[in-house]
Amino acid sequence: MRQGPMPLTDAERDLRRYDLSCSMDDLLGSSSPAETFAIASDVFRQTAELLLLRHQKWLGNGKWAVRRLEQLTNDESALGLLAWAASIDHDSQKLAVIARDVLDQNGGYAMEGFLRGTR
């Protein structure tokens, strides 16, 4: 329990990369403020989870996700994500830059050619 969760398998990491990539596309393509808010929430959560799992830290929801991120004091992406969450404007472009950085740390943007399961 103290050691944190097992490292992600390649398949688990790829699925999380794909999901975050889809959400980022939705975020950057949204023109509705309400939709943008909802999608940004998903991107924040997915980015936080990928960061935490990369560091083999347990996940959390709501305030616990933030508290877990705060434990990653030497991770620039975690600090950037926390700064974005604390900002007044919640600029979706800034969130996308942070999410893209986290994707790059985990194998990059995943969309074209991604397969779930087998054909």
PDB file of N, CA and C in Angstrom:
ATOM      1  N   MET A   1       0.812  -1.188   0.000  1.00  0.00           N
ATOM      2  CA  MET A   1       0.000   0.000   0.000  1.00  0.00           C
ATOM      3  C   MET A   1       0.863   1.262   0.000  1.00  0.00           C
ATOM      4  N   ARG A   2       1.899   1.275   0.810  1.00  0.00           N
ATOM      5  CA  ARG A   2       2.753   2.465   0.918  1.00  0.00           C
ATOM      6  C   ARG A   2       3.554   2.722  -0.349  1.00  0.00           C
ATOM      7  N   GLN A   3       3.813   1.674  -1.097  1.00  0.00           N
ATOM      8  CA  GLN A   3       4.628   1.819  -2.303  1.00  0.00           C
ATOM      9  C   GLN A   3       3.836   2.415  -3.459  1.00  0.00           C
ATOM     10  N   GLY A   4       2.549   2.539  -3.311  1.00  0.00           N
ATOM     11  CA  GLY A   4       1.721   3.075  -4.383  1.00  0.00           C
ATOM     12  C   GLY A   4       1.253   1.978  -5.314  1.00  0.00           C
ATOM     13  N   PRO A   5       0.502   2.355  -6.331  1.00  0.00           N
ATOM     14  CA  PRO A   5      -0.013   1.359  -7.269  1.00  0.00           C
ATOM     15  C   PRO A   5       1.101   0.796  -8.147  1.00  0.00           C
ATOM     16  N   MET A   6       0.807  -0.337  -8.739  1.00  0.00           N
ATOM     17  CA  MET A   6       1.741  -0.941  -9.690  1.00  0.00           C
ATOM     18  C   MET A   6       1.908   0.007 -10.881  1.00  0.00           C
ATOM     19  N   PRO A   7       3.055  -0.030 -11.539  1.00  0.00           N
ATOM     20  CA  PRO A   7       3.226   0.801 -12.738  1.00  0.00           C
ATOM     21  C   PRO A   7       2.179   0.434 -13.794  1.00  0.00           C
ATOM     22  N   LEU A   8       1.805   1.407 -14.594  1.00  0.00           N
ATOM     23  CA  LEU A   8       0.868   1.143 -15.682  1.00  0.00           C
ATOM     24  C   LEU A   8       1.490   0.187 -16.688  1.00  0.00           C
ATOM     25  N   THR A   9       0.663  -0.701 -17.228  1.00  0.00           N
ATOM     26  CA  THR A   9       1.121  -1.501 -18.360  1.00  0.00           C
ATOM     27  C   THR A   9       1.128  -0.591 -19.586  1.00  0.00           C
ATOM     28  N   ASP A  10       1.783  -1.028 -20.638  1.00  0.00           N
ATOM     29  CA  ASP A  10       1.783  -0.233 -21.869  1.00  0.00           C
ATOM     30  C   ASP A  10       0.361  -0.019 -22.378  1.00  0.00           C
ATOM     31  N   ALA A  11      -0.465  -1.062 -22.307  1.00  0.00           N
ATOM     32  CA  ALA A  11      -1.848  -0.955 -22.784  1.00  0.00           C
ATOM     33  C   ALA A  11      -2.650   0.032 -21.940  1.00  0.00           C
ATOM     34  N   GLU A  12      -2.460   0.008 -20.630  1.00  0.00           N
ATOM     35  CA  GLU A  12      -3.159   0.955 -19.751  1.00  0.00           C
ATOM     36  C   GLU A  12      -2.714   2.390 -20.033  1.00  0.00           C
ATOM     37  N   ARG A  13      -1.422   2.581 -20.204  1.00  0.00           N
ATOM     38  CA  ARG A  13      -0.895   3.918 -20.496  1.00  0.00           C
ATOM     39  C   ARG A  13      -1.425   4.416 -21.839  1.00  0.00           C
ATOM     40  N   ASP A  14      -1.430   3.536 -22.840  1.00  0.00           N
ATOM     41  CA  ASP A  14      -1.911   3.933 -24.163  1.00  0.00           C
ATOM     42  C   ASP A  14      -3.386   4.321 -24.129  1.00  0.00           C
ATOM     43  N   LEU A  15      -4.189   3.590 -23.377  1.00  0.00           N
ATOM     44  CA  LEU A  15      -5.611   3.915 -23.268  1.00  0.00           C
ATOM     45  C   LEU A  15      -5.804   5.274 -22.600  1.00  0.00           C
ATOM     46  N   ARG A  16      -5.046   5.542 -21.561  1.00  0.00           N
ATOM     47  CA  ARG A  16      -5.132   6.843 -20.887  1.00  0.00           C
ATOM     48  C   ARG A  16      -4.644   7.964 -21.808  1.00  0.00           C
ATOM     49  N   ARG A  17      -3.614   7.710 -22.584  1.00  0.00           N
ATOM     50  CA  ARG A  17      -3.129   8.705 -23.547  1.00  0.00           C
ATOM     51  C   ARG A  17      -4.200   8.997 -24.590  1.00  0.00           C
ATOM     52  N   TYR A  18      -4.840   7.956 -25.082  1.00  0.00           N
ATOM     53  CA  TYR A  18      -5.889   8.123 -26.086  1.00  0.00           C
ATOM     54  C   TYR A  18      -7.063   8.925 -25.522  1.00  0.00           C
ATOM     55  N   ASP A  19      -7.515   8.566 -24.328  1.00  0.00           N
ATOM     56  CA  ASP A  19      -8.638   9.278 -23.707  1.00  0.00           C
ATOM     57  C   ASP A  19      -8.310  10.754 -23.495  1.00  0.00           C
ATOM     58  N   LEU A  20      -7.111  11.045 -22.996  1.00  0.00           N
ATOM     59  CA  LEU A  20      -6.711  12.434 -22.779  1.00  0.00           C
ATOM     60  C   LEU A  20      -6.573  13.172 -24.111  1.00  0.00           C
ATOM     61  N   SER A  21      -6.042  12.519 -25.119  1.00  0.00           N
ATOM     62  CA  SER A  21      -5.919  13.139 -26.441  1.00  0.00           C
ATOM     63  C   SER A  21      -7.293  13.506 -27.002  1.00  0.00           C
ATOM     64  N   CYS A  22      -8.273  12.611 -26.855  1.00  0.00           N
ATOM     65  CA  CYS A  22      -9.643  12.897 -27.309  1.00  0.00           C
ATOM     66  C   CYS A  22     -10.224  14.089 -26.559  1.00  0.00           C
ATOM     67  N   SER A  23     -10.035  14.105 -25.257  1.00  0.00           N
ATOM     68  CA  SER A  23     -10.563  15.206 -24.446  1.00  0.00           C
ATOM     69  C   SER A  23      -9.900  16.529 -24.810  1.00  0.00           C
ATOM     70  N   MET A  24      -8.596  16.487 -25.090  1.00  0.00           N
ATOM     71  CA  MET A  24      -7.896  17.714 -25.502  1.00  0.00           C
ATOM     72  C   MET A  24      -8.454  18.240 -26.815  1.00  0.00           C
ATOM     73  N   ASP A  25      -8.714  17.345 -27.764  1.00  0.00           N
ATOM     74  CA  ASP A  25      -9.309  17.770 -29.032  1.00  0.00           C
ATOM     75  C   ASP A  25     -10.663  18.431 -28.789  1.00  0.00           C
ATOM     76  N   ASP A  26     -11.471  17.824 -27.917  1.00  0.00           N
ATOM     77  CA  ASP A  26     -12.778  18.402 -27.586  1.00  0.00           C
ATOM     78  C   ASP A  26     -12.617  19.776 -26.945  1.00  0.00           C
ATOM     79  N   LEU A  27     -11.658  19.897 -26.038  1.00  0.00           N
ATOM     80  CA  LEU A  27     -11.435  21.163 -25.338  1.00  0.00           C
ATOM     81  C   LEU A  27     -11.058  22.273 -26.315  1.00  0.00           C
ATOM     82  N   LEU A  28     -10.133  21.976 -27.190  1.00  0.00           N
ATOM     83  CA  LEU A  28      -9.648  22.995 -28.118  1.00  0.00           C
ATOM     84  C   LEU A  28     -10.658  23.308 -29.217  1.00  0.00           C
ATOM     85  N   GLY A  29     -11.617  22.411 -29.431  1.00  0.00           N
ATOM     86  CA  GLY A  29     -12.630  22.629 -30.459  1.00  0.00           C
ATOM     87  C   GLY A  29     -13.944  23.163 -29.931  1.00  0.00           C
ATOM     88  N   SER A  30     -14.037  23.358 -28.640  1.00  0.00           N
ATOM     89  CA  SER A  30     -15.295  23.790 -28.033  1.00  0.00           C
ATOM     90  C   SER A  30     -15.499  25.296 -28.173  1.00  0.00           C
ATOM     91  N   SER A  31     -16.738  25.677 -28.491  1.00  0.00           N
ATOM     92  CA  SER A  31     -17.070  27.102 -28.562  1.00  0.00           C
ATOM     93  C   SER A  31     -18.107  27.493 -27.508  1.00  0.00           C
ATOM     94  N   SER A  32     -18.606  26.516 -26.781  1.00  0.00           N
ATOM     95  CA  SER A  32     -19.600  26.770 -25.740  1.00  0.00           C
ATOM     96  C   SER A  32     -18.904  26.881 -24.387  1.00  0.00           C
ATOM     97  N   PRO A  33     -19.093  27.988 -23.672  1.00  0.00           N
ATOM     98  CA  PRO A  33     -18.458  28.128 -22.355  1.00  0.00           C
ATOM     99  C   PRO A  33     -18.822  27.000 -21.384  1.00  0.00           C
ATOM    100  N   ALA A  34     -20.068  26.559 -21.406  1.00  0.00           N
ATOM    101  CA  ALA A  34     -20.480  25.481 -20.501  1.00  0.00           C
ATOM    102  C   ALA A  34     -19.792  24.170 -20.871  1.00  0.00           C
ATOM    103  N   GLU A  35     -19.742  23.867 -22.170  1.00  0.00           N
ATOM    104  CA  GLU A  35     -19.044  22.658 -22.614  1.00  0.00           C
ATOM    105  C   GLU A  35     -17.558  22.743 -22.292  1.00  0.00           C
ATOM    106  N   THR A  36     -16.967  23.894 -22.528  1.00  0.00           N
ATOM    107  CA  THR A  36     -15.545  24.082 -22.249  1.00  0.00           C
ATOM    108  C   THR A  36     -15.255  23.830 -20.779  1.00  0.00           C
ATOM    109  N   PHE A  37     -16.107  24.325 -19.898  1.00  0.00           N
ATOM    110  CA  PHE A  37     -15.941  24.097 -18.460  1.00  0.00           C
ATOM    111  C   PHE A  37     -15.972  22.603 -18.136  1.00  0.00           C
ATOM    112  N   ALA A  38     -16.969  21.896 -18.689  1.00  0.00           N
ATOM    113  CA  ALA A  38     -17.109  20.464 -18.414  1.00  0.00           C
ATOM    114  C   ALA A  38     -15.924  19.675 -18.968  1.00  0.00           C
ATOM    115  N   ILE A  39     -15.509  20.006 -20.176  1.00  0.00           N
ATOM    116  CA  ILE A  39     -14.388  19.296 -20.800  1.00  0.00           C
ATOM    117  C   ILE A  39     -13.089  19.599 -20.066  1.00  0.00           C
ATOM    118  N   ALA A  40     -12.899  20.850 -19.649  1.00  0.00           N
ATOM    119  CA  ALA A  40     -11.685  21.216 -18.902  1.00  0.00           C
ATOM    120  C   ALA A  40     -11.590  20.412 -17.613  1.00  0.00           C
ATOM    121  N   SER A  41     -12.723  20.167 -16.986  1.00  0.00           N
ATOM    122  CA  SER A  41     -12.739  19.344 -15.774  1.00  0.00           C
ATOM    123  C   SER A  41     -12.229  17.936 -16.077  1.00  0.00           C
ATOM    124  N   ASP A  42     -12.678  17.377 -17.205  1.00  0.00           N
ATOM    125  CA  ASP A  42     -12.205  16.048 -17.607  1.00  0.00           C
ATOM    126  C   ASP A  42     -10.709  16.058 -17.909  1.00  0.00           C
ATOM    127  N   VAL A  43     -10.255  17.074 -18.637  1.00  0.00           N
ATOM    128  CA  VAL A  43      -8.834  17.159 -18.991  1.00  0.00           C
ATOM    129  C   VAL A  43      -7.985  17.303 -17.734  1.00  0.00           C
ATOM    130  N   PHE A  44      -8.436  18.120 -16.789  1.00  0.00           N
ATOM    131  CA  PHE A  44      -7.709  18.275 -15.528  1.00  0.00           C
ATOM    132  C   PHE A  44      -7.584  16.921 -14.822  1.00  0.00           C
ATOM    133  N   ARG A  45      -8.699  16.205 -14.689  1.00  0.00           N
ATOM    134  CA  ARG A  45      -8.693  14.916 -13.992  1.00  0.00           C
ATOM    135  C   ARG A  45      -7.808  13.903 -14.714  1.00  0.00           C
ATOM    136  N   GLN A  46      -7.961  13.795 -16.031  1.00  0.00           N
ATOM    137  CA  GLN A  46      -7.182  12.825 -16.795  1.00  0.00           C
ATOM    138  C   GLN A  46      -5.686  13.141 -16.742  1.00  0.00           C
ATOM    139  N   THR A  47      -5.356  14.410 -16.812  1.00  0.00           N
ATOM    140  CA  THR A  47      -3.951  14.827 -16.738  1.00  0.00           C
ATOM    141  C   THR A  47      -3.382  14.525 -15.361  1.00  0.00           C
ATOM    142  N   ALA A  48      -4.146  14.852 -14.324  1.00  0.00           N
ATOM    143  CA  ALA A  48      -3.707  14.579 -12.951  1.00  0.00           C
ATOM    144  C   ALA A  48      -3.491  13.083 -12.745  1.00  0.00           C
ATOM    145  N   GLU A  49      -4.414  12.273 -13.226  1.00  0.00           N
ATOM    146  CA  GLU A  49      -4.290  10.824 -13.048  1.00  0.00           C
ATOM    147  C   GLU A  49      -3.067  10.276 -13.772  1.00  0.00           C
ATOM    148  N   LEU A  50      -2.829  10.729 -14.982  1.00  0.00           N
ATOM    149  CA  LEU A  50      -1.661  10.245 -15.721  1.00  0.00           C
ATOM    150  C   LEU A  50      -0.365  10.651 -15.019  1.00  0.00           C
ATOM    151  N   LEU A  51      -0.338  11.858 -14.495  1.00  0.00           N
ATOM    152  CA  LEU A  51       0.825  12.321 -13.724  1.00  0.00           C
ATOM    153  C   LEU A  51       1.035  11.469 -12.477  1.00  0.00           C
ATOM    154  N   LEU A  52      -0.026  11.274 -11.720  1.00  0.00           N
ATOM    155  CA  LEU A  52       0.082  10.514 -10.472  1.00  0.00           C
ATOM    156  C   LEU A  52       0.508   9.075 -10.742  1.00  0.00           C
ATOM    157  N   LEU A  53      -0.082   8.455 -11.740  1.00  0.00           N
ATOM    158  CA  LEU A  53       0.267   7.066 -12.044  1.00  0.00           C
ATOM    159  C   LEU A  53       1.696   6.948 -12.562  1.00  0.00           C
ATOM    160  N   ARG A  54       2.154   7.945 -13.292  1.00  0.00           N
ATOM    161  CA  ARG A  54       3.552   7.947 -13.762  1.00  0.00           C
ATOM    162  C   ARG A  54       4.520   7.918 -12.582  1.00  0.00           C
ATOM    163  N   HIS A  55       4.128   8.578 -11.497  1.00  0.00           N
ATOM    164  CA  HIS A  55       4.945   8.615 -10.285  1.00  0.00           C
ATOM    165  C   HIS A  55       4.562   7.520  -9.289  1.00  0.00           C
ATOM    166  N   GLN A  56       3.713   6.592  -9.721  1.00  0.00           N
ATOM    167  CA  GLN A  56       3.228   5.498  -8.875  1.00  0.00           C
ATOM    168  C   GLN A  56       2.627   6.012  -7.569  1.00  0.00           C
ATOM    169  N   LYS A  57       1.765   7.025  -7.713  1.00  0.00           N
ATOM    170  CA  LYS A  57       1.025   7.585  -6.579  1.00  0.00           C
ATOM    171  C   LYS A  57      -0.439   7.193  -6.718  1.00  0.00           C
ATOM    172  N   TRP A  58      -1.092   7.021  -5.582  1.00  0.00           N
ATOM    173  CA  TRP A  58      -2.508   6.678  -5.587  1.00  0.00           C
ATOM    174  C   TRP A  58      -3.331   7.833  -6.135  1.00  0.00           C
ATOM    175  N   LEU A  59      -4.431   7.478  -6.801  1.00  0.00           N
ATOM    176  CA  LEU A  59      -5.338   8.479  -7.350  1.00  0.00           C
ATOM    177  C   LEU A  59      -6.282   8.971  -6.269  1.00  0.00           C
ATOM    178  N   GLY A  60      -6.905  10.093  -6.530  1.00  0.00           N
ATOM    179  CA  GLY A  60      -7.911  10.637  -5.635  1.00  0.00           C
ATOM    180  C   GLY A  60      -8.913  11.435  -6.441  1.00  0.00           C
ATOM    181  N   ASN A  61     -10.082  11.640  -5.871  1.00  0.00           N
ATOM    182  CA  ASN A  61     -11.119  12.447  -6.516  1.00  0.00           C
ATOM    183  C   ASN A  61     -11.286  13.754  -5.773  1.00  0.00           C
ATOM    184  N   GLY A  62     -11.683  14.782  -6.518  1.00  0.00           N
ATOM    185  CA  GLY A  62     -11.950  16.069  -5.892  1.00  0.00           C
ATOM    186  C   GLY A  62     -10.732  16.604  -5.170  1.00  0.00           C
ATOM    187  N   LYS A  63     -10.936  16.962  -3.898  1.00  0.00           N
ATOM    188  CA  LYS A  63      -9.834  17.551  -3.131  1.00  0.00           C
ATOM    189  C   LYS A  63      -8.660  16.591  -2.991  1.00  0.00           C
ATOM    190  N   TRP A  64      -8.942  15.284  -3.031  1.00  0.00           N
ATOM    191  CA  TRP A  64      -7.857  14.314  -2.876  1.00  0.00           C
ATOM    192  C   TRP A  64      -6.966  14.265  -4.107  1.00  0.00           C
ATOM    193  N   ALA A  65      -7.513  14.533  -5.273  1.00  0.00           N
ATOM    194  CA  ALA A  65      -6.668  14.619  -6.470  1.00  0.00           C
ATOM    195  C   ALA A  65      -5.691  15.779  -6.322  1.00  0.00           C
ATOM    196  N   VAL A  66      -6.191  16.909  -5.834  1.00  0.00           N
ATOM    197  CA  VAL A  66      -5.336  18.084  -5.628  1.00  0.00           C
ATOM    198  C   VAL A  66      -4.284  17.786  -4.572  1.00  0.00           C
ATOM    199  N   ARG A  67      -4.681  17.178  -3.486  1.00  0.00           N
ATOM    200  CA  ARG A  67      -3.728  16.878  -2.405  1.00  0.00           C
ATOM    201  C   ARG A  67      -2.651  15.905  -2.862  1.00  0.00           C
ATOM    202  N   ARG A  68      -3.033  14.950  -3.688  1.00  0.00           N
ATOM    203  CA  ARG A  68      -2.031  14.012  -4.222  1.00  0.00           C
ATOM    204  C   ARG A  68      -1.065  14.745  -5.160  1.00  0.00           C
ATOM    205  N   LEU A  69      -1.596  15.632  -6.005  1.00  0.00           N
ATOM    206  CA  LEU A  69      -0.727  16.414  -6.893  1.00  0.00           C
ATOM    207  C   LEU A  69       0.240  17.272  -6.095  1.00  0.00           C
ATOM    208  N   GLU A  70      -0.228  17.824  -4.992  1.00  0.00           N
ATOM    209  CA  GLU A  70       0.626  18.678  -4.159  1.00  0.00           C
ATOM    210  C   GLU A  70       1.819  17.920  -3.589  1.00  0.00           C
ATOM    211  N   GLN A  71       1.756  16.602  -3.570  1.00  0.00           N
ATOM    212  CA  GLN A  71       2.878  15.786  -3.096  1.00  0.00           C
ATOM    213  C   GLN A  71       4.002  15.714  -4.135  1.00  0.00           C
ATOM    214  N   LEU A  72       3.689  16.054  -5.379  1.00  0.00           N
ATOM    215  CA  LEU A  72       4.684  15.989  -6.459  1.00  0.00           C
ATOM    216  C   LEU A  72       5.408  17.328  -6.563  1.00  0.00           C
ATOM    217  N   THR A  73       6.111  17.685  -5.512  1.00  0.00           N
ATOM    218  CA  THR A  73       6.715  19.018  -5.399  1.00  0.00           C
ATOM    219  C   THR A  73       7.834  19.277  -6.404  1.00  0.00           C
ATOM    220  N   ASN A  74       8.402  18.239  -6.989  1.00  0.00           N
ATOM    221  CA  ASN A  74       9.497  18.418  -7.946  1.00  0.00           C
ATOM    222  C   ASN A  74       9.061  18.211  -9.390  1.00  0.00           C
ATOM    223  N   ASP A  75       7.773  18.091  -9.627  1.00  0.00           N
ATOM    224  CA  ASP A  75       7.273  17.854 -10.977  1.00  0.00           C
ATOM    225  C   ASP A  75       6.670  19.144 -11.534  1.00  0.00           C
ATOM    226  N   GLU A  76       7.307  19.702 -12.557  1.00  0.00           N
ATOM    227  CA  GLU A  76       6.851  20.977 -13.130  1.00  0.00           C
ATOM    228  C   GLU A  76       5.438  20.889 -13.692  1.00  0.00           C
ATOM    229  N   SER A  77       5.090  19.749 -14.266  1.00  0.00           N
ATOM    230  CA  SER A  77       3.742  19.601 -14.819  1.00  0.00           C
ATOM    231  C   SER A  77       2.695  19.609 -13.715  1.00  0.00           C
ATOM    232  N   ALA A  78       2.988  18.944 -12.611  1.00  0.00           N
ATOM    233  CA  ALA A  78       2.055  18.942 -11.483  1.00  0.00           C
ATOM    234  C   ALA A  78       1.896  20.346 -10.926  1.00  0.00           C
ATOM    235  N   LEU A  79       3.003  21.056 -10.791  1.00  0.00           N
ATOM    236  CA  LEU A  79       2.942  22.433 -10.295  1.00  0.00           C
ATOM    237  C   LEU A  79       2.171  23.326 -11.261  1.00  0.00           C
ATOM    238  N   GLY A  80       2.366  23.126 -12.553  1.00  0.00           N
ATOM    239  CA  GLY A  80       1.631  23.894 -13.553  1.00  0.00           C
ATOM    240  C   GLY A  80       0.144  23.600 -13.522  1.00  0.00           C
ATOM    241  N   LEU A  81      -0.199  22.334 -13.346  1.00  0.00           N
ATOM    242  CA  LEU A  81      -1.608  21.944 -13.273  1.00  0.00           C
ATOM    243  C   LEU A  81      -2.272  22.552 -12.043  1.00  0.00           C
ATOM    244  N   LEU A  82      -1.569  22.535 -10.928  1.00  0.00           N
ATOM    245  CA  LEU A  82      -2.099  23.153  -9.709  1.00  0.00           C
ATOM    246  C   LEU A  82      -2.239  24.666  -9.871  1.00  0.00           C
ATOM    247  N   ALA A  83      -1.268  25.294 -10.518  1.00  0.00           N
ATOM    248  CA  ALA A  83      -1.345  26.741 -10.754  1.00  0.00           C
ATOM    249  C   ALA A  83      -2.523  27.064 -11.671  1.00  0.00           C
ATOM    250  N   TRP A  84      -2.744  26.241 -12.698  1.00  0.00           N
ATOM    251  CA  TRP A  84      -3.887  26.453 -13.583  1.00  0.00           C
ATOM    252  C   TRP A  84      -5.194  26.361 -12.789  1.00  0.00           C
ATOM    253  N   ALA A  85      -5.294  25.340 -11.935  1.00  0.00           N
ATOM    254  CA  ALA A  85      -6.520  25.155 -11.150  1.00  0.00           C
ATOM    255  C   ALA A  85      -6.772  26.329 -10.212  1.00  0.00           C
ATOM    256  N   ALA A  86      -5.703  26.933  -9.710  1.00  0.00           N
ATOM    257  CA  ALA A  86      -5.831  28.050  -8.770  1.00  0.00           C
ATOM    258  C   ALA A  86      -6.042  29.389  -9.478  1.00  0.00           C
ATOM    259  N   SER A  87      -5.895  29.402 -10.798  1.00  0.00           N
ATOM    260  CA  SER A  87      -6.018  30.665 -11.535  1.00  0.00           C
ATOM    261  C   SER A  87      -7.472  31.107 -11.630  1.00  0.00           C
ATOM    262  N   ILE A  88      -7.650  32.366 -11.908  1.00  0.00           N
ATOM    263  CA  ILE A  88      -8.997  32.925 -12.014  1.00  0.00           C
ATOM    264  C   ILE A  88      -9.616  32.627 -13.378  1.00  0.00           C
ATOM    265  N   ASP A  89      -8.817  32.692 -14.434  1.00  0.00           N
ATOM    266  CA  ASP A  89      -9.391  32.586 -15.781  1.00  0.00           C
ATOM    267  C   ASP A  89      -9.544  31.158 -16.310  1.00  0.00           C
ATOM    268  N   HIS A  90      -8.827  30.195 -15.777  1.00  0.00           N
ATOM    269  CA  HIS A  90      -8.882  28.804 -16.252  1.00  0.00           C
ATOM    270  C   HIS A  90      -8.796  28.726 -17.781  1.00  0.00           C
ATOM    271  N   ASP A  91      -7.770  29.343 -18.312  1.00  0.00           N
ATOM    272  CA  ASP A  91      -7.541  29.398 -19.752  1.00  0.00           C
ATOM    273  C   ASP A  91      -7.356  27.984 -20.313  1.00  0.00           C
ATOM    274  N   SER A  92      -8.241  27.585 -21.232  1.00  0.00           N
ATOM    275  CA  SER A  92      -8.183  26.229 -21.776  1.00  0.00           C
ATOM    276  C   SER A  92      -6.919  25.994 -22.595  1.00  0.00           C
ATOM    277  N   GLN A  93      -6.369  27.038 -23.209  1.00  0.00           N
ATOM    278  CA  GLN A  93      -5.116  26.890 -23.958  1.00  0.00           C
ATOM    279  C   GLN A  93      -3.964  26.526 -23.021  1.00  0.00           C
ATOM    280  N   LYS A  94      -3.927  27.157 -21.855  1.00  0.00           N
ATOM    281  CA  LYS A  94      -2.874  26.856 -20.876  1.00  0.00           C
ATOM    282  C   LYS A  94      -3.009  25.426 -20.362  1.00  0.00           C
ATOM    283  N   LEU A  95      -4.245  25.000 -20.119  1.00  0.00           N
ATOM    284  CA  LEU A  95      -4.472  23.624 -19.675  1.00  0.00           C
ATOM    285  C   LEU A  95      -4.023  22.642 -20.752  1.00  0.00           C
ATOM    286  N   ALA A  96      -4.314  22.956 -22.004  1.00  0.00           N
ATOM    287  CA  ALA A  96      -3.919  22.075 -23.106  1.00  0.00           C
ATOM    288  C   ALA A  96      -2.403  21.945 -23.205  1.00  0.00           C
ATOM    289  N   VAL A  97      -1.677  23.025 -22.951  1.00  0.00           N
ATOM    290  CA  VAL A  97      -0.206  22.978 -22.982  1.00  0.00           C
ATOM    291  C   VAL A  97       0.310  22.041 -21.888  1.00  0.00           C
ATOM    292  N   ILE A  98      -0.267  22.137 -20.701  1.00  0.00           N
ATOM    293  CA  ILE A  98       0.148  21.273 -19.591  1.00  0.00           C
ATOM    294  C   ILE A  98      -0.186  19.820 -19.909  1.00  0.00           C
ATOM    295  N   ALA A  99      -1.396  19.589 -20.402  1.00  0.00           N
ATOM    296  CA  ALA A  99      -1.813  18.227 -20.735  1.00  0.00           C
ATOM    297  C   ALA A  99      -0.925  17.647 -21.828  1.00  0.00           C
ATOM    298  N   ARG A 100      -0.575  18.457 -22.811  1.00  0.00           N
ATOM    299  CA  ARG A 100       0.285  17.984 -23.897  1.00  0.00           C
ATOM    300  C   ARG A 100       1.668  17.611 -23.363  1.00  0.00           C
ATOM    301  N   ASP A 101       2.179  18.391 -22.421  1.00  0.00           N
ATOM    302  CA  ASP A 101       3.464  18.089 -21.799  1.00  0.00           C
ATOM    303  C   ASP A 101       3.405  16.738 -21.083  1.00  0.00           C
ATOM    304  N   VAL A 102       2.324  16.502 -20.368  1.00  0.00           N
ATOM    305  CA  VAL A 102       2.163  15.223 -19.661  1.00  0.00           C
ATOM    306  C   VAL A 102       2.025  14.082 -20.667  1.00  0.00           C
ATOM    307  N   LEU A 103       1.290  14.313 -21.740  1.00  0.00           N
ATOM    308  CA  LEU A 103       1.209  13.294 -22.790  1.00  0.00           C
ATOM    309  C   LEU A 103       2.594  12.989 -23.347  1.00  0.00           C
ATOM    310  N   ASP A 104       3.375  14.026 -23.621  1.00  0.00           N
ATOM    311  CA  ASP A 104       4.722  13.831 -24.167  1.00  0.00           C
ATOM    312  C   ASP A 104       5.602  13.019 -23.221  1.00  0.00           C
ATOM    313  N   GLN A 105       5.419  13.193 -21.924  1.00  0.00           N
ATOM    314  CA  GLN A 105       6.188  12.436 -20.931  1.00  0.00           C
ATOM    315  C   GLN A 105       5.778  10.962 -20.894  1.00  0.00           C
ATOM    316  N   ASN A 106       4.609  10.669 -21.458  1.00  0.00           N
ATOM    317  CA  ASN A 106       4.065   9.315 -21.393  1.00  0.00           C
ATOM    318  C   ASN A 106       3.907   8.665 -22.761  1.00  0.00           C
ATOM    319  N   GLY A 107       4.631   9.145 -23.740  1.00  0.00           N
ATOM    320  CA  GLY A 107       4.582   8.524 -25.058  1.00  0.00           C
ATOM    321  C   GLY A 107       3.936   9.378 -26.131  1.00  0.00           C
ATOM    322  N   GLY A 108       3.364  10.515 -25.755  1.00  0.00           N
ATOM    323  CA  GLY A 108       2.831  11.454 -26.734  1.00  0.00           C
ATOM    324  C   GLY A 108       1.342  11.336 -26.993  1.00  0.00           C
ATOM    325  N   TYR A 109       0.880  12.254 -27.812  1.00  0.00           N
ATOM    326  CA  TYR A 109      -0.508  12.337 -28.256  1.00  0.00           C
ATOM    327  C   TYR A 109      -0.864  11.026 -28.946  1.00  0.00           C
ATOM    328  N   ALA A 110      -2.023  10.483 -28.652  1.00  0.00           N
ATOM    329  CA  ALA A 110      -2.420   9.195 -29.230  1.00  0.00           C
ATOM    330  C   ALA A 110      -3.790   9.329 -29.874  1.00  0.00           C
ATOM    331  N   MET A 111      -3.829   9.180 -31.172  1.00  0.00           N
ATOM    332  CA  MET A 111      -5.119   9.233 -31.842  1.00  0.00           C
ATOM    333  C   MET A 111      -5.102   8.297 -33.039  1.00  0.00           C
ATOM    334  N   GLU A 112      -4.434   8.724 -34.108  1.00  0.00           N
ATOM    335  CA  GLU A 112      -4.411   7.934 -35.320  1.00  0.00           C
ATOM    336  C   GLU A 112      -3.733   6.594 -35.086  1.00  0.00           C
ATOM    337  N   GLY A 113      -4.385   5.536 -35.531  1.00  0.00           N
ATOM    338  CA  GLY A 113      -3.805   4.212 -35.408  1.00  0.00           C
ATOM    339  C   GLY A 113      -4.019   3.539 -34.069  1.00  0.00           C
ATOM    340  N   PHE A 114      -4.661   4.228 -33.118  1.00  0.00           N
ATOM    341  CA  PHE A 114      -4.888   3.624 -31.809  1.00  0.00           C
ATOM    342  C   PHE A 114      -6.018   2.612 -31.919  1.00  0.00           C
ATOM    343  N   LEU A 115      -5.801   1.429 -31.363  1.00  0.00           N
ATOM    344  CA  LEU A 115      -6.822   0.383 -31.368  1.00  0.00           C
ATOM    345  C   LEU A 115      -7.140  -0.032 -29.945  1.00  0.00           C
ATOM    346  N   ARG A 116      -8.427  -0.157 -29.655  1.00  0.00           N
ATOM    347  CA  ARG A 116      -8.874  -0.729 -28.375  1.00  0.00           C
ATOM    348  C   ARG A 116      -9.136  -2.202 -28.618  1.00  0.00           C
ATOM    349  N   GLY A 117      -8.415  -3.050 -27.926  1.00  0.00           N
ATOM    350  CA  GLY A 117      -8.622  -4.481 -28.107  1.00  0.00           C
ATOM    351  C   GLY A 117      -8.037  -4.971 -29.416  1.00  0.00           C
ATOM    352  N   THR A 118      -8.637  -6.032 -29.953  1.00  0.00           N
ATOM    353  CA  THR A 118      -8.148  -6.624 -31.199  1.00  0.00           C
ATOM    354  C   THR A 118      -9.221  -6.515 -32.269  1.00  0.00           C
ATOM    355  N   ARG A 119      -8.791  -6.626 -33.495  1.00  0.00           N
ATOM    356  CA  ARG A 119      -9.745  -6.579 -34.619  1.00  0.00           C
ATOM    357  C   ARG A 119     -10.114  -7.963 -35.031  1.00  0.00           C
TER     358      ARG A 119
END
